Amino acid sequence: MGTKGAVGERAILAVGTEAGPALRSLLNQGIGALDELTGKLKNAKGSAAETAAVMGDNLRGRWVG
């Protein structure tokens, strides 16, 4: 977090005590790591939709809607 310590600390507090350490670790790795994670999350959107479609493609999924 370097020179942005106060701003970083507010960000950590905003996400809470459970996610804070993970955010701190990501911030310490730099913007490249954040960009990489963002890209992976964007690419996962299609996989999540595909998984949801498969899970819903059964009798209960069609019944519940």
N, C-alpha and C. Protein backbone atom coordinates (compact mmCIF):
# COMPACT_ATOMS: atom_id res chain seq x y z
N MET A 1 0.82 -1.18 0.00
CA MET A 1 0.00 0.00 0.00
C MET A 1 0.87 1.24 0.00
N GLY A 2 2.08 1.14 0.38
CA GLY A 2 3.05 2.21 0.26
C GLY A 2 2.58 3.56 0.74
N THR A 3 2.69 4.56 -0.14
CA THR A 3 2.35 5.93 0.22
C THR A 3 0.85 6.14 0.34
N LYS A 4 0.07 5.23 -0.09
CA LYS A 4 -1.39 5.34 -0.02
C LYS A 4 -1.93 4.59 1.19
N GLY A 5 -1.17 4.51 2.25
CA GLY A 5 -1.53 3.73 3.42
C GLY A 5 -2.89 4.04 3.99
N ALA A 6 -3.19 5.33 4.20
CA ALA A 6 -4.48 5.70 4.80
C ALA A 6 -5.64 5.31 3.90
N VAL A 7 -5.49 5.55 2.61
CA VAL A 7 -6.54 5.18 1.66
C VAL A 7 -6.69 3.66 1.61
N GLY A 8 -5.58 2.96 1.61
CA GLY A 8 -5.61 1.50 1.60
C GLY A 8 -6.25 0.94 2.84
N GLU A 9 -5.94 1.53 3.98
CA GLU A 9 -6.54 1.07 5.23
C GLU A 9 -8.05 1.25 5.21
N ARG A 10 -8.53 2.36 4.64
CA ARG A 10 -9.98 2.57 4.54
C ARG A 10 -10.60 1.52 3.62
N ALA A 11 -9.90 1.16 2.56
CA ALA A 11 -10.41 0.12 1.65
C ALA A 11 -10.50 -1.22 2.37
N ILE A 12 -9.48 -1.54 3.16
CA ILE A 12 -9.47 -2.79 3.92
C ILE A 12 -10.65 -2.82 4.88
N LEU A 13 -10.87 -1.71 5.59
CA LEU A 13 -11.98 -1.63 6.54
C LEU A 13 -13.33 -1.74 5.83
N ALA A 14 -13.40 -1.20 4.62
CA ALA A 14 -14.66 -1.23 3.87
C ALA A 14 -15.08 -2.65 3.50
N VAL A 15 -14.12 -3.51 3.21
CA VAL A 15 -14.46 -4.88 2.81
C VAL A 15 -14.60 -5.81 4.01
N GLY A 16 -14.22 -5.35 5.18
CA GLY A 16 -14.42 -6.14 6.39
C GLY A 16 -13.21 -6.92 6.82
N THR A 17 -13.32 -7.49 8.00
CA THR A 17 -12.17 -8.17 8.59
C THR A 17 -11.87 -9.51 7.93
N GLU A 18 -12.86 -10.16 7.34
CA GLU A 18 -12.61 -11.45 6.71
C GLU A 18 -11.93 -11.30 5.36
N ALA A 19 -12.41 -10.37 4.53
CA ALA A 19 -11.84 -10.20 3.20
C ALA A 19 -10.66 -9.23 3.21
N GLY A 20 -10.51 -8.47 4.28
CA GLY A 20 -9.44 -7.47 4.36
C GLY A 20 -8.05 -8.03 4.11
N PRO A 21 -7.65 -9.11 4.79
CA PRO A 21 -6.31 -9.66 4.55
C PRO A 21 -6.08 -10.08 3.10
N ALA A 22 -7.09 -10.63 2.46
CA ALA A 22 -6.95 -11.02 1.05
C ALA A 22 -6.76 -9.80 0.17
N LEU A 23 -7.53 -8.74 0.45
CA LEU A 23 -7.38 -7.50 -0.31
C LEU A 23 -6.01 -6.90 -0.09
N ARG A 24 -5.54 -6.91 1.15
CA ARG A 24 -4.21 -6.37 1.46
C ARG A 24 -3.14 -7.14 0.68
N SER A 25 -3.25 -8.46 0.65
CA SER A 25 -2.29 -9.28 -0.08
C SER A 25 -2.29 -8.95 -1.56
N LEU A 26 -3.49 -8.81 -2.12
CA LEU A 26 -3.61 -8.48 -3.54
C LEU A 26 -3.01 -7.11 -3.83
N LEU A 27 -3.30 -6.13 -2.98
CA LEU A 27 -2.76 -4.79 -3.18
C LEU A 27 -1.24 -4.79 -3.07
N ASN A 28 -0.70 -5.60 -2.17
CA ASN A 28 0.75 -5.67 -2.01
C ASN A 28 1.43 -6.28 -3.23
N GLN A 29 0.71 -7.09 -4.00
CA GLN A 29 1.28 -7.71 -5.20
C GLN A 29 1.33 -6.75 -6.38
N GLY A 30 0.57 -5.67 -6.31
CA GLY A 30 0.62 -4.66 -7.35
C GLY A 30 -0.54 -4.73 -8.33
N ILE A 31 -0.57 -3.74 -9.20
CA ILE A 31 -1.68 -3.59 -10.14
C ILE A 31 -1.71 -4.73 -11.15
N GLY A 32 -0.56 -5.29 -11.47
CA GLY A 32 -0.52 -6.41 -12.41
C GLY A 32 -1.31 -7.61 -11.90
N ALA A 33 -1.17 -7.89 -10.60
CA ALA A 33 -1.91 -9.01 -10.00
C ALA A 33 -3.40 -8.72 -9.99
N LEU A 34 -3.76 -7.46 -9.73
CA LEU A 34 -5.17 -7.08 -9.74
C LEU A 34 -5.75 -7.21 -11.14
N ASP A 35 -5.01 -6.77 -12.14
CA ASP A 35 -5.47 -6.90 -13.53
C ASP A 35 -5.64 -8.37 -13.92
N GLU A 36 -4.70 -9.21 -13.48
CA GLU A 36 -4.78 -10.64 -13.79
C GLU A 36 -6.02 -11.27 -13.15
N LEU A 37 -6.26 -10.93 -11.89
CA LEU A 37 -7.44 -11.47 -11.20
C LEU A 37 -8.72 -10.98 -11.87
N THR A 38 -8.76 -9.71 -12.24
CA THR A 38 -9.93 -9.15 -12.91
C THR A 38 -10.21 -9.90 -14.21
N GLY A 39 -9.17 -10.17 -14.99
CA GLY A 39 -9.32 -10.91 -16.23
C GLY A 39 -9.85 -12.31 -16.00
N LYS A 40 -9.33 -12.98 -14.98
CA LYS A 40 -9.80 -14.33 -14.67
C LYS A 40 -11.27 -14.33 -14.26
N LEU A 41 -11.65 -13.34 -13.47
CA LEU A 41 -13.05 -13.26 -13.04
C LEU A 41 -13.98 -12.98 -14.22
N LYS A 42 -13.55 -12.13 -15.14
CA LYS A 42 -14.37 -11.84 -16.32
C LYS A 42 -14.51 -13.08 -17.19
N ASN A 43 -13.44 -13.86 -17.32
CA ASN A 43 -13.50 -15.08 -18.13
C ASN A 43 -14.32 -16.16 -17.45
N ALA A 44 -14.43 -16.13 -16.14
CA ALA A 44 -15.18 -17.14 -15.40
C ALA A 44 -16.68 -16.97 -15.56
N LYS A 45 -17.11 -15.79 -15.99
CA LYS A 45 -18.54 -15.52 -16.12
C LYS A 45 -19.21 -16.54 -17.04
N GLY A 46 -18.59 -16.87 -18.14
CA GLY A 46 -19.15 -17.84 -19.07
C GLY A 46 -19.22 -19.23 -18.46
N SER A 47 -18.19 -19.60 -17.71
CA SER A 47 -18.18 -20.91 -17.05
C SER A 47 -19.27 -21.01 -16.01
N ALA A 48 -19.50 -19.94 -15.27
CA ALA A 48 -20.54 -19.95 -14.24
C ALA A 48 -21.92 -20.09 -14.88
N ALA A 49 -22.15 -19.39 -15.97
CA ALA A 49 -23.44 -19.48 -16.66
C ALA A 49 -23.65 -20.88 -17.23
N GLU A 50 -22.60 -21.46 -17.77
CA GLU A 50 -22.69 -22.82 -18.32
C GLU A 50 -23.00 -23.83 -17.21
N THR A 51 -22.33 -23.69 -16.08
CA THR A 51 -22.58 -24.59 -14.95
C THR A 51 -24.01 -24.45 -14.45
N ALA A 52 -24.49 -23.23 -14.34
CA ALA A 52 -25.87 -22.99 -13.89
C ALA A 52 -26.87 -23.62 -14.85
N ALA A 53 -26.60 -23.52 -16.15
CA ALA A 53 -27.50 -24.10 -17.15
C ALA A 53 -27.55 -25.62 -17.01
N VAL A 54 -26.39 -26.24 -16.82
CA VAL A 54 -26.33 -27.69 -16.67
C VAL A 54 -27.06 -28.11 -15.39
N MET A 55 -26.84 -27.38 -14.31
CA MET A 55 -27.49 -27.73 -13.04
C MET A 55 -29.00 -27.54 -13.10
N GLY A 56 -29.46 -26.61 -13.90
CA GLY A 56 -30.89 -26.37 -14.02
C GLY A 56 -31.57 -27.26 -15.04
N ASP A 57 -30.78 -28.00 -15.82
CA ASP A 57 -31.33 -28.85 -16.87
C ASP A 57 -31.67 -30.23 -16.32
N ASN A 58 -32.65 -30.26 -15.44
CA ASN A 58 -33.14 -31.52 -14.87
C ASN A 58 -34.60 -31.31 -14.49
N LEU A 59 -35.23 -32.33 -13.99
CA LEU A 59 -36.66 -32.24 -13.67
C LEU A 59 -36.93 -31.14 -12.66
N ARG A 60 -36.16 -31.10 -11.58
CA ARG A 60 -36.39 -30.08 -10.56
C ARG A 60 -36.14 -28.69 -11.13
N GLY A 61 -35.09 -28.54 -11.93
CA GLY A 61 -34.78 -27.25 -12.52
C GLY A 61 -35.89 -26.75 -13.43
N ARG A 62 -36.49 -27.65 -14.16
CA ARG A 62 -37.59 -27.26 -15.05
C ARG A 62 -38.87 -26.99 -14.26
N TRP A 63 -39.04 -27.72 -13.16
CA TRP A 63 -40.24 -27.55 -12.35
C TRP A 63 -40.19 -26.23 -11.57
N VAL A 64 -39.04 -25.96 -10.94
CA VAL A 64 -38.89 -24.75 -10.14
C VAL A 64 -38.80 -23.52 -11.04
N GLY A 65 -38.18 -23.69 -12.18
CA GLY A 65 -38.13 -22.61 -13.15
C GLY A 65 -36.92 -21.81 -13.05
